[in-house]
Amino acid sequence: MCAVVPCQWRRIIGSYSDVTSTKYKKLFVRSLFKLNAYLSRELSVKCAISRAKLATCDQSV
C-alpha cells in the first residue's frame, strides 16, 4: 500500500481547488490516522493470537 505524503498533493491532484482545499486535506489526513489505527489494532490482535497458539503448542509438547 502506498501512502500519499502532503508534498505530493499538488503533483497528484493538480490545481483542482475543491479537492486541494483545507477541508479535504483534513479529511484525508484524518482517514490516514483511522487507517493506521485500524491496521495497528489488527496487527496486535494477530500477534496476540499467534502468541496464544505458541503457548498452546508449548504446553502440549
Protein backbone atom coordinates (compact mmCIF):
# COMPACT_ATOMS: atom_id res chain seq x y z
CA MET A 1 0.00 0.00 0.00
CA CYS A 2 1.36 3.40 -0.94
CA ALA A 3 0.82 6.38 1.30
CA VAL A 4 0.48 9.85 -0.14
CA VAL A 5 2.54 12.41 1.70
CA PRO A 6 1.37 16.04 1.84
CA CYS A 7 4.07 17.26 -0.55
CA GLN A 8 2.58 15.05 -3.29
CA TRP A 9 -0.85 16.70 -3.22
CA ARG A 10 -0.13 19.20 -5.97
CA ARG A 11 1.57 16.64 -8.21
CA ILE A 12 -1.18 14.02 -7.92
CA ILE A 13 -4.31 16.15 -7.76
CA GLY A 14 -3.11 19.13 -9.73
CA SER A 15 -4.62 22.53 -9.22
CA TYR A 16 -8.23 21.43 -8.76
CA SER A 17 -9.06 23.81 -5.91
CA ASP A 18 -12.06 21.92 -4.50
CA VAL A 19 -10.01 18.83 -3.79
CA THR A 20 -6.94 20.68 -2.57
CA SER A 21 -8.89 22.78 -0.08
CA THR A 22 -8.05 22.61 3.61
CA LYS A 23 -11.31 20.83 4.36
CA TYR A 24 -10.49 17.88 2.12
CA LYS A 25 -6.87 17.75 3.22
CA LYS A 26 -8.06 17.43 6.82
CA LEU A 27 -10.46 14.66 5.83
CA PHE A 28 -7.66 12.85 4.02
CA VAL A 29 -5.26 13.12 6.95
CA ARG A 30 -8.00 12.00 9.34
CA SER A 31 -8.67 8.95 7.17
CA LEU A 32 -4.96 8.08 7.22
CA PHE A 33 -4.93 8.21 11.01
CA LYS A 34 -8.01 5.99 11.15
CA LEU A 35 -6.42 3.52 8.74
CA ASN A 36 -3.18 3.43 10.74
CA ALA A 37 -5.12 2.88 13.97
CA TYR A 38 -7.11 0.07 12.35
CA LEU A 39 -4.01 -1.61 10.95
CA SER A 40 -2.12 -1.41 14.23
CA ARG A 41 -5.12 -2.82 16.10
CA GLU A 42 -5.42 -5.70 13.60
CA LEU A 43 -1.71 -6.41 13.87
CA SER A 44 -1.84 -6.52 17.68
CA VAL A 45 -4.79 -8.95 17.54
CA LYS A 46 -2.93 -11.20 15.10
CA CYS A 47 0.16 -11.12 17.31
CA ALA A 48 -1.92 -12.00 20.37
CA ILE A 49 -3.47 -14.93 18.52
CA SER A 50 -0.04 -16.11 17.40
CA ARG A 51 1.30 -15.87 20.96
CA ALA A 52 -1.69 -17.83 22.24
CA LYS A 53 -1.13 -20.54 19.62
CA LEU A 54 2.55 -20.75 20.53
CA ALA A 55 1.72 -21.04 24.22
CA THR A 56 -0.77 -23.81 23.47
CA CYS A 57 1.77 -25.67 21.35
CA ASP A 58 4.44 -25.38 24.06
CA GLN A 59 2.07 -26.77 26.68
CA SER A 60 1.06 -29.76 24.58
CA VAL A 61 4.66 -30.86 23.88
